[in-house]
Amino acid sequence: MSPAILLLLALGLGLAGWLVARGRAQAFASQSGGRIAARPSYHGWYAALWIALPVTIFIVIWSVVSPQLVMAHVLASPEASVLPEFGMKRQSLISEARAVATGSATTVFNPEARQLIGPFEDALTRYNWIGLALTLIIALAGAAWAFLRLKPDFTARTRVEKAVMTGLLLASLVAILTTLGIVVSLVFETIRFFGMVNPIDFLFGTHWGPDPMANPDNPDPTRYGAIPLFWGTIYIGAIIAMIVALPLGLMSAIYLTQYASPRWRKVLKPALEVLAGVPTVVYGYFAALTVAPFIRDLAVSVGISNASSESALAAGMVMGVMIIPFVSSMADDSIAAVPQAMRDGSLALGATTNETIRRVLVPAALPGIVAGIMLAVSRAIGETMIVVMAAGAAANLSANPLEAMTTVTFQIVAMLTGEGSFDHPATLSAFALGFVLFLVTLALNFIALRVVKRFREAYE
């Protein structure tokens, strides 16, 4: 029995426990004239938690343990004697027999695998019934524990709220530990890489061209200069893209909040935010097939013969269009949150609408606007598909927007999916790039917070 079916069973048992416990609490209320320590719904939630939560934990554990038990049962059967002791053929026979036994395949290609189908089916049937029985036992035990405690003076609401708070705490810890795990993994692999390549050569080198097939014991440090990658990332994502996104996004927000009618705003704002939902691969195709050729032909027509068909300008412009909603939405919400009394007071003192926007509304909404800009920059820096399809893979250190460039994210993908082994410096360089990009993003966020604080102090 699949874990999904067991989870549905757990939810069904929890719902049944909720209904029964709620009905019992209502009976308590009718018998005592409505004087019970918690509302009937909290009694229901208390019982549902004691039924569904232990069962869910068991199902998660069982989904990990049961395949191992099934495999041990099959390997202990006499039919397993046809299996080789090791090798790819052994895994192939086991996989074919398991696929037929579970119903994901109808036949096997190796005749030896047919003998294992019966043991697999027996083991699956046995452990499915064991899992179902244990699920019901745990659910009944949880229900018994909950119902024995349900009384008119039982403070079910306090217990349910504690359970919810514990769940929220665990969820936040999962997010924190996941982030910590990512950072730790980057740090350890970066240390391994810097043990092979000098950090100075990596951070300040101007040539990038790792060779995954080179001798890993004697890497050429001059081929691991990351300056062109970070320049391409900043040039495309933080300069060209923001030149497009910042004025368009900010002016869109000002128009929607100050000039557009409510009816027109209801149409324009969702239409603008649709841009954020378009897959980046669509933007990449648009940049590669439409924008980049147009920019190249336009450059050639004005006498620039060395314009590339893959250019930083094409990728940056399309990326800027993609992040317009990030700037516009945050600026829109921030400007709309400024008290109407401030706007009315400025107009009452004789300021024009233009002056009110420039001198009152935008300074008051600046923290939110800066937050939107930083969110947009972070989104642009982490973008991959548009750069892959429109900017090229050349690590050029140039300020010419018509040349091909590459970014850190593209090279991370290229190094991790290349031909080198995992312990090769070319592969490990992806972790070093990711770690440095993480530090750069962290520094940008810190600077943004300081800027917001400085502007807020100046405004106040």
Protein backbone atom coordinates (compact mmCIF):
# COMPACT_ATOMS: atom_id res chain seq x y z
CA MET A 1 0.00 0.00 0.00
CA SER A 2 1.49 3.30 -1.09
CA PRO A 3 2.27 6.05 1.43
CA ALA A 4 -0.25 8.30 -0.33
CA ILE A 5 -3.09 5.88 0.45
CA LEU A 6 -1.93 5.59 4.05
CA LEU A 7 -1.84 9.39 4.33
CA LEU A 8 -5.39 9.61 2.99
CA LEU A 9 -6.38 6.98 5.54
CA ALA A 10 -4.73 9.04 8.30
CA LEU A 11 -6.63 12.14 7.20
CA GLY A 12 -9.87 10.19 7.11
CA LEU A 13 -9.30 8.81 10.60
CA GLY A 14 -8.42 12.30 11.83
CA LEU A 15 -11.63 13.69 10.34
CA ALA A 16 -13.65 10.92 11.96
CA GLY A 17 -11.96 11.62 15.31
CA TRP A 18 -12.70 15.35 14.92
CA LEU A 19 -16.39 14.70 14.31
CA VAL A 20 -16.75 12.24 17.19
CA ALA A 21 -14.81 14.40 19.68
CA ARG A 22 -16.72 17.51 18.66
CA GLY A 23 -20.00 15.69 19.12
CA ARG A 24 -18.90 14.46 22.52
CA ALA A 25 -17.93 18.00 23.57
CA GLN A 26 -21.32 19.27 22.43
CA ALA A 27 -22.90 16.61 24.61
CA PHE A 28 -20.78 17.84 27.54
CA ALA A 29 -21.99 21.39 26.85
CA SER A 30 -25.66 20.38 26.77
CA GLN A 31 -25.33 18.39 29.99
CA SER A 32 -23.55 21.19 31.88
CA GLY A 33 -25.58 24.08 30.51
CA GLY A 34 -22.85 25.28 28.15
CA ARG A 35 -20.14 25.50 30.82
CA ILE A 36 -17.11 23.72 29.31
CA ALA A 37 -13.48 24.82 29.37
CA ALA A 38 -13.07 24.96 25.57
CA ARG A 39 -15.27 25.16 22.53
CA PRO A 40 -16.34 21.84 20.99
CA SER A 41 -14.25 22.45 17.88
CA TYR A 42 -11.06 22.51 19.98
CA HIS A 43 -11.97 19.13 21.44
CA GLY A 44 -12.30 17.89 17.88
CA TRP A 45 -8.95 19.31 16.83
CA TYR A 46 -7.28 17.81 19.90
CA ALA A 47 -8.52 14.34 18.99
CA ALA A 48 -7.69 14.82 15.30
CA LEU A 49 -4.13 15.82 16.13
CA TRP A 50 -3.60 12.80 18.37
CA ILE A 51 -4.89 10.53 15.61
CA ALA A 52 -3.40 12.03 12.46
CA LEU A 53 -0.05 13.32 13.69
CA PRO A 54 1.42 10.06 15.09
CA VAL A 55 0.09 8.18 12.07
CA THR A 56 1.72 10.65 9.69
CA ILE A 57 5.06 10.34 11.48
CA PHE A 58 4.79 6.55 11.29
CA ILE A 59 3.95 6.66 7.57
CA VAL A 60 7.02 8.78 6.84
CA ILE A 61 9.23 6.33 8.74
CA TRP A 62 7.50 3.31 7.20
CA SER A 63 7.95 4.65 3.66
CA VAL A 64 11.71 4.60 4.29
CA VAL A 65 11.91 1.31 6.17
CA SER A 66 9.46 -0.88 4.25
CA PRO A 67 11.43 -1.00 0.93
CA GLN A 68 14.44 -2.24 2.87
CA LEU A 69 12.34 -4.92 4.56
CA VAL A 70 10.89 -6.00 1.21
CA MET A 71 14.35 -6.23 -0.31
CA ALA A 72 15.67 -8.23 2.64
CA HIS A 73 12.72 -10.63 2.32
CA VAL A 74 13.36 -11.12 -1.41
CA LEU A 75 17.10 -11.63 -1.02
CA ALA A 76 16.49 -14.20 1.71
CA SER A 77 14.21 -16.27 -0.55
CA PRO A 78 15.55 -19.36 -2.42
CA GLU A 79 14.73 -17.72 -5.76
CA ALA A 80 17.37 -15.06 -5.09
CA SER A 81 20.09 -17.64 -5.75
CA VAL A 82 19.89 -16.76 -9.47
CA LEU A 83 21.23 -13.29 -8.75
CA PRO A 84 24.89 -12.50 -9.35
CA GLU A 85 26.79 -11.51 -6.24
CA PHE A 86 27.37 -7.96 -7.49
CA GLY A 87 27.37 -5.82 -10.60
CA MET A 88 24.98 -4.04 -12.90
CA LYS A 89 23.18 -7.24 -13.92
CA ARG A 90 22.18 -7.89 -10.31
CA GLN A 91 20.61 -4.44 -10.04
CA SER A 92 18.93 -4.86 -13.42
CA LEU A 93 17.29 -8.16 -12.44
CA ILE A 94 16.05 -6.73 -9.15
CA SER A 95 14.69 -3.60 -10.83
CA GLU A 96 12.82 -5.57 -13.51
CA ALA A 97 11.23 -7.94 -10.98
CA ARG A 98 10.25 -5.06 -8.70
CA ALA A 99 8.70 -3.13 -11.61
CA VAL A 100 6.50 -6.08 -12.61
CA ALA A 101 5.52 -6.83 -9.00
CA THR A 102 4.48 -3.22 -8.37
CA GLY A 103 2.58 -2.97 -11.66
CA SER A 104 4.76 -0.33 -13.29
CA ALA A 105 5.83 -2.84 -15.97
CA THR A 106 4.11 -5.80 -17.62
CA THR A 107 7.03 -7.99 -18.62
CA VAL A 108 10.72 -8.60 -18.01
CA PHE A 109 13.57 -8.78 -20.50
CA ASN A 110 15.79 -11.14 -18.49
CA PRO A 111 14.32 -14.61 -17.89
CA GLU A 112 16.14 -14.84 -14.54
CA ALA A 113 14.08 -11.93 -13.24
CA ARG A 114 10.80 -13.88 -13.56
CA GLN A 115 11.76 -16.04 -10.59
CA LEU A 116 11.96 -12.97 -8.37
CA ILE A 117 8.49 -11.64 -9.21
CA GLY A 118 6.77 -14.08 -6.83
CA PRO A 119 8.96 -13.23 -3.81
CA PHE A 120 8.52 -9.53 -4.53
CA GLU A 121 4.73 -9.85 -4.69
CA ASP A 122 4.64 -11.90 -1.46
CA ALA A 123 6.86 -9.39 0.35
CA LEU A 124 4.89 -6.40 -0.90
CA THR A 125 1.60 -7.97 0.14
CA ARG A 126 2.91 -8.91 3.57
CA TYR A 127 4.42 -5.55 4.40
CA ASN A 128 1.47 -3.64 2.96
CA TRP A 129 -0.80 -5.45 5.41
CA ILE A 130 1.69 -4.90 8.22
CA GLY A 131 1.82 -1.18 7.42
CA LEU A 132 -1.97 -0.94 7.32
CA ALA A 133 -2.31 -2.81 10.61
CA LEU A 134 0.27 -0.64 12.35
CA THR A 135 -1.40 2.49 10.98
CA LEU A 136 -4.75 1.44 12.43
CA ILE A 137 -3.19 0.44 15.76
CA ILE A 138 -1.41 3.78 16.13
CA ALA A 139 -4.55 5.67 15.13
CA LEU A 140 -6.68 3.76 17.64
CA ALA A 141 -4.07 4.27 20.36
CA GLY A 142 -4.01 8.01 19.68
CA ALA A 143 -7.80 8.16 19.64
CA ALA A 144 -8.03 6.27 22.93
CA TRP A 145 -5.52 8.59 24.57
CA ALA A 146 -7.35 11.68 23.32
CA PHE A 147 -10.86 10.52 24.21
CA LEU A 148 -9.84 9.44 27.71
CA ARG A 149 -8.70 13.02 28.40
CA LEU A 150 -11.73 14.78 26.95
CA LYS A 151 -13.82 16.09 29.84
CA PRO A 152 -15.94 19.21 30.42
CA ASP A 153 -13.09 20.91 32.31
CA PHE A 154 -10.38 19.87 29.82
CA THR A 155 -8.53 22.90 28.36
CA ALA A 156 -8.37 21.62 24.80
CA ARG A 157 -7.77 25.04 23.28
CA THR A 158 -4.51 25.50 25.20
CA ARG A 159 -3.24 22.10 24.07
CA VAL A 160 -4.19 22.70 20.44
CA GLU A 161 -2.57 26.14 20.41
CA LYS A 162 0.63 24.69 21.89
CA ALA A 163 0.63 22.04 19.16
CA VAL A 164 0.16 24.68 16.47
CA MET A 165 2.95 26.83 17.94
CA THR A 166 5.24 23.80 18.04
CA GLY A 167 4.44 23.08 14.40
CA LEU A 168 5.22 26.65 13.41
CA LEU A 169 8.49 26.50 15.34
CA LEU A 170 9.49 23.27 13.62
CA ALA A 171 8.62 24.75 10.23
CA SER A 172 10.82 27.77 10.90
CA LEU A 173 13.62 25.51 12.13
CA VAL A 174 13.39 23.46 8.94
CA ALA A 175 13.82 26.61 6.86
CA ILE A 176 16.73 27.80 9.00
CA LEU A 177 18.45 24.42 9.02
CA THR A 178 17.99 24.06 5.27
CA THR A 179 19.66 27.42 4.69
CA LEU A 180 22.41 26.51 7.15
CA GLY A 181 22.94 23.17 5.41
CA ILE A 182 23.26 24.88 2.04
CA VAL A 183 25.80 27.36 3.39
CA VAL A 184 27.81 24.66 5.19
CA SER A 185 27.94 22.47 2.07
CA LEU A 186 29.11 25.44 0.02
CA VAL A 187 31.76 26.30 2.60
CA PHE A 188 33.22 22.78 2.78
CA GLU A 189 33.38 22.34 -0.99
CA THR A 190 34.78 25.85 -1.39
CA ILE A 191 37.55 25.02 1.09
CA ARG A 192 38.38 21.92 -0.96
CA PHE A 193 38.55 24.02 -4.11
CA PHE A 194 40.75 26.67 -2.51
CA GLY A 195 43.08 23.87 -1.43
CA MET A 196 43.70 23.25 -5.15
CA VAL A 197 43.47 26.80 -6.53
CA ASN A 198 44.80 29.92 -4.84
CA PRO A 199 41.89 32.13 -3.66
CA ILE A 200 43.76 35.22 -4.92
CA ASP A 201 43.95 33.76 -8.43
CA PHE A 202 40.26 32.86 -8.25
CA LEU A 203 38.94 36.14 -6.88
CA PHE A 204 41.15 38.51 -8.89
CA GLY A 205 42.00 36.54 -12.01
CA THR A 206 40.75 37.88 -15.33
CA HIS A 207 40.68 34.67 -17.39
CA TRP A 208 38.07 31.94 -16.98
CA GLY A 209 38.48 28.66 -18.85
CA PRO A 210 38.51 25.54 -16.62
CA ASP A 211 39.37 22.29 -18.36
CA PRO A 212 37.42 19.34 -16.84
CA MET A 213 39.74 16.87 -18.58
CA ALA A 214 42.97 18.37 -17.24
CA ASN A 215 45.05 16.74 -14.53
CA PRO A 216 43.20 17.45 -11.24
CA ASP A 217 46.41 17.16 -9.21
CA ASN A 218 48.06 20.06 -11.01
CA PRO A 219 45.40 22.59 -12.05
CA ASP A 220 46.33 25.75 -13.92
CA PRO A 221 45.36 28.61 -11.55
CA THR A 222 45.36 31.14 -14.40
CA ARG A 223 42.27 29.44 -15.88
CA TYR A 224 40.11 30.01 -12.79
CA GLY A 225 39.83 33.80 -12.68
CA ALA A 226 36.23 34.63 -11.73
CA ILE A 227 36.28 38.39 -12.36
CA PRO A 228 34.73 38.06 -15.88
CA LEU A 229 31.88 35.97 -14.46
CA PHE A 230 31.00 38.41 -11.70
CA TRP A 231 31.35 41.33 -14.07
CA GLY A 232 28.96 39.67 -16.51
CA THR A 233 26.52 38.93 -13.68
CA ILE A 234 26.55 42.51 -12.42
CA TYR A 235 26.61 44.07 -15.88
CA ILE A 236 23.63 42.08 -17.17
CA GLY A 237 21.58 41.65 -14.00
CA ALA A 238 22.30 44.75 -11.94
CA ILE A 239 23.07 47.40 -14.58
CA ILE A 240 21.37 46.74 -17.92
CA ALA A 241 18.35 44.99 -16.43
CA MET A 242 17.84 47.67 -13.78
CA ILE A 243 18.20 50.46 -16.36
CA VAL A 244 15.13 48.92 -17.98
CA ALA A 245 13.20 47.77 -14.91
CA LEU A 246 13.72 50.65 -12.47
CA PRO A 247 12.20 53.56 -14.42
CA LEU A 248 9.45 51.46 -15.97
CA GLY A 249 8.52 49.78 -12.69
CA LEU A 250 8.64 52.95 -10.61
CA MET A 251 6.70 55.02 -13.12
CA SER A 252 4.13 52.25 -13.47
CA ALA A 253 3.65 52.22 -9.70
CA ILE A 254 3.29 56.01 -9.56
CA TYR A 255 0.75 56.01 -12.37
CA LEU A 256 -1.30 53.17 -10.87
CA THR A 257 -1.43 54.74 -7.41
CA GLN A 258 -1.76 58.44 -8.26
CA TYR A 259 -3.26 58.87 -11.71
CA ALA A 260 -5.14 55.73 -12.77
CA SER A 261 -8.83 55.42 -11.98
CA PRO A 262 -9.85 52.50 -9.73
CA ARG A 263 -11.44 50.71 -12.66
CA TRP A 264 -8.36 51.14 -14.85
CA ARG A 265 -6.09 50.08 -11.97
CA LYS A 266 -7.99 46.81 -11.56
CA VAL A 267 -7.14 45.99 -15.16
CA LEU A 268 -3.55 47.24 -15.39
CA LYS A 269 -2.11 45.94 -12.11
CA PRO A 270 -2.96 42.22 -12.71
CA ALA A 271 -1.86 42.56 -16.33
CA LEU A 272 1.51 43.93 -15.21
CA GLU A 273 1.98 41.21 -12.60
CA VAL A 274 1.38 38.53 -15.24
CA LEU A 275 4.95 39.20 -16.38
CA ALA A 276 6.22 37.62 -13.14
CA GLY A 277 4.40 34.38 -13.94
CA VAL A 278 5.84 33.87 -17.42
CA PRO A 279 8.40 31.01 -17.40
CA THR A 280 11.95 32.25 -17.82
CA VAL A 281 12.53 29.84 -20.70
CA VAL A 282 9.88 31.78 -22.64
CA TYR A 283 11.79 34.99 -21.96
CA GLY A 284 14.94 33.19 -23.08
CA TYR A 285 13.40 32.12 -26.38
CA PHE A 286 12.08 35.64 -26.92
CA ALA A 287 15.52 37.10 -26.24
CA ALA A 288 17.37 34.58 -28.42
CA LEU A 289 14.98 34.52 -31.39
CA THR A 290 13.66 38.09 -31.48
CA VAL A 291 15.55 40.64 -29.38
CA ALA A 292 19.15 39.49 -29.97
CA PRO A 293 18.85 39.27 -33.80
CA PHE A 294 17.07 42.65 -33.85
CA ILE A 295 19.85 44.29 -31.82
CA ARG A 296 22.54 42.72 -34.01
CA ASP A 297 20.84 43.83 -37.25
CA LEU A 298 20.29 47.31 -35.84
CA ALA A 299 23.96 47.57 -34.83
CA VAL A 300 25.11 46.38 -38.26
CA SER A 301 22.81 48.89 -39.96
CA VAL A 302 24.48 51.78 -38.12
CA GLY A 303 27.98 50.56 -38.93
CA ILE A 304 28.88 48.38 -35.91
CA SER A 305 30.13 45.28 -37.68
CA ASN A 306 31.39 43.34 -34.66
CA ALA A 307 27.99 43.06 -32.92
CA SER A 308 27.39 39.54 -31.65
CA SER A 309 24.21 37.55 -32.17
CA GLU A 310 24.42 36.74 -28.44
CA SER A 311 24.83 39.94 -26.47
CA ALA A 312 24.64 41.21 -22.93
CA LEU A 313 22.27 43.95 -24.08
CA ALA A 314 19.67 41.49 -25.35
CA ALA A 315 19.78 39.38 -22.19
CA GLY A 316 19.75 42.43 -19.92
CA MET A 317 16.81 44.09 -21.68
CA VAL A 318 14.64 40.99 -21.55
CA MET A 319 15.68 40.34 -17.96
CA GLY A 320 14.70 43.92 -17.12
CA VAL A 321 11.24 43.35 -18.56
CA MET A 322 10.96 40.17 -16.51
CA ILE A 323 11.70 41.91 -13.19
CA ILE A 324 9.47 44.95 -13.77
CA PRO A 325 6.69 43.40 -11.61
CA PHE A 326 9.08 43.03 -8.66
CA VAL A 327 9.89 46.74 -8.71
CA SER A 328 6.38 47.87 -9.58
CA SER A 329 4.53 45.73 -7.05
CA MET A 330 6.70 46.69 -4.07
CA ALA A 331 6.71 50.37 -5.06
CA ASP A 332 2.95 50.29 -5.63
CA ASP A 333 2.26 48.81 -2.21
CA SER A 334 4.69 51.20 -0.49
CA ILE A 335 3.28 54.33 -2.12
CA ALA A 336 -0.29 53.21 -1.48
CA ALA A 337 0.58 52.66 2.20
CA VAL A 338 1.59 56.31 2.69
CA PRO A 339 -1.17 58.00 4.73
CA GLN A 340 -3.62 59.96 2.63
CA ALA A 341 -3.29 62.83 5.11
CA MET A 342 0.30 63.43 4.00
CA ARG A 343 -0.74 63.74 0.37
CA ASP A 344 -3.69 65.97 1.20
CA GLY A 345 -1.53 68.16 3.44
CA SER A 346 1.04 68.65 0.68
CA LEU A 347 -1.62 69.59 -1.85
CA ALA A 348 -3.28 71.91 0.68
CA LEU A 349 0.01 73.79 1.11
CA GLY A 350 0.05 74.54 -2.60
CA ALA A 351 2.32 71.79 -3.92
CA THR A 352 1.49 70.32 -7.29
CA THR A 353 0.82 66.62 -7.76
CA ASN A 354 4.28 66.22 -9.29
CA GLU A 355 5.95 67.93 -6.33
CA THR A 356 3.87 65.90 -3.88
CA ILE A 357 5.00 62.67 -5.50
CA ARG A 358 8.69 63.67 -5.63
CA ARG A 359 9.00 65.34 -2.23
CA VAL A 360 6.45 63.54 -0.05
CA LEU A 361 5.21 60.20 -1.37
CA VAL A 362 8.41 58.75 -2.82
CA PRO A 363 10.61 59.66 0.21
CA ALA A 364 7.98 58.22 2.57
CA ALA A 365 7.75 55.02 0.52
CA LEU A 366 11.50 54.76 -0.09
CA PRO A 367 12.16 51.77 2.23
CA GLY A 368 9.63 49.67 0.33
CA ILE A 369 10.91 50.89 -3.02
CA VAL A 370 14.51 50.01 -2.13
CA ALA A 371 13.35 46.60 -0.90
CA GLY A 372 11.66 46.00 -4.25
CA ILE A 373 14.78 47.07 -6.12
CA MET A 374 16.95 44.70 -4.08
CA LEU A 375 14.48 41.88 -4.63
CA ALA A 376 14.60 42.56 -8.35
CA VAL A 377 18.41 42.66 -8.38
CA SER A 378 18.61 39.38 -6.46
CA ARG A 379 16.16 37.82 -8.91
CA ALA A 380 18.16 39.08 -11.88
CA ILE A 381 21.51 37.95 -10.47
CA GLY A 382 20.16 34.43 -9.94
CA GLU A 383 18.63 34.13 -13.41
CA THR A 384 20.06 31.42 -15.67
CA MET A 385 17.84 30.58 -18.65
CA ILE A 386 17.81 34.02 -20.27
CA VAL A 387 21.60 34.27 -19.99
CA VAL A 388 22.12 30.77 -21.36
CA MET A 389 19.95 31.40 -24.41
CA ALA A 390 20.74 35.04 -25.18
CA ALA A 391 24.05 36.13 -23.63
CA GLY A 392 26.27 33.20 -24.57
CA ALA A 393 28.98 31.37 -22.65
CA ALA A 394 31.98 33.58 -23.38
CA ALA A 395 33.65 34.93 -20.24
CA ASN A 396 34.46 38.38 -21.60
CA LEU A 397 35.65 41.23 -19.41
CA SER A 398 34.22 44.09 -21.44
CA ALA A 399 31.85 47.03 -21.10
CA ASN A 400 30.56 46.60 -24.66
CA PRO A 401 26.89 45.56 -24.33
CA LEU A 402 26.94 44.13 -27.86
CA GLU A 403 29.45 41.42 -26.94
CA ALA A 404 28.62 37.96 -25.64
CA MET A 405 29.04 37.50 -21.89
CA THR A 406 28.34 34.87 -19.28
CA THR A 407 27.27 34.90 -15.64
CA VAL A 408 28.03 33.02 -12.46
CA THR A 409 24.81 31.01 -12.52
CA PHE A 410 25.40 29.79 -16.07
CA GLN A 411 28.92 28.66 -15.23
CA ILE A 412 27.69 26.88 -12.09
CA VAL A 413 25.35 24.81 -14.23
CA ALA A 414 28.04 24.25 -16.86
CA MET A 415 30.64 23.06 -14.33
CA LEU A 416 28.28 20.76 -12.41
CA THR A 417 26.96 19.14 -15.60
CA GLY A 418 30.32 18.93 -17.33
CA GLU A 419 32.53 15.93 -17.96
CA GLY A 420 34.80 16.34 -14.95
CA SER A 421 34.64 14.16 -11.85
CA PHE A 422 33.09 15.54 -8.69
CA ASP A 423 36.47 16.07 -7.01
CA HIS A 424 37.94 17.85 -10.04
CA PRO A 425 38.79 21.54 -9.54
CA ALA A 426 36.55 22.47 -12.48
CA THR A 427 33.55 20.89 -10.75
CA LEU A 428 34.43 22.23 -7.31
CA SER A 429 34.73 25.72 -8.78
CA ALA A 430 30.92 25.75 -9.05
CA PHE A 431 30.67 25.64 -5.25
CA ALA A 432 33.21 28.44 -4.90
CA LEU A 433 31.24 30.53 -7.37
CA GLY A 434 28.03 29.85 -5.48
CA PHE A 435 29.60 30.76 -2.15
CA VAL A 436 31.03 34.03 -3.43
CA LEU A 437 27.70 34.86 -5.09
CA PHE A 438 25.99 34.19 -1.75
CA LEU A 439 28.37 36.60 -0.01
CA VAL A 440 27.83 39.25 -2.69
CA THR A 441 24.05 38.96 -2.36
CA LEU A 442 24.34 39.13 1.42
CA ALA A 443 26.48 42.26 1.15
CA LEU A 444 23.97 43.87 -1.22
CA ASN A 445 21.14 43.20 1.22
CA PHE A 446 23.18 44.65 4.09
CA ILE A 447 23.96 47.77 2.08
CA ALA A 448 20.29 48.11 1.18
CA LEU A 449 19.29 47.95 4.83
CA ARG A 450 21.81 50.65 5.71
CA VAL A 451 20.61 52.85 2.85
CA VAL A 452 16.99 52.41 3.89
CA LYS A 453 17.86 53.29 7.48
CA ARG A 454 19.79 56.39 6.40
CA PHE A 455 16.96 57.63 4.18
CA ARG A 456 14.39 56.92 6.86
CA GLU A 457 16.40 58.93 9.40
CA ALA A 458 16.82 61.79 6.92
CA TYR A 459 13.12 61.77 6.11
CA GLU A 460 11.98 61.59 9.71
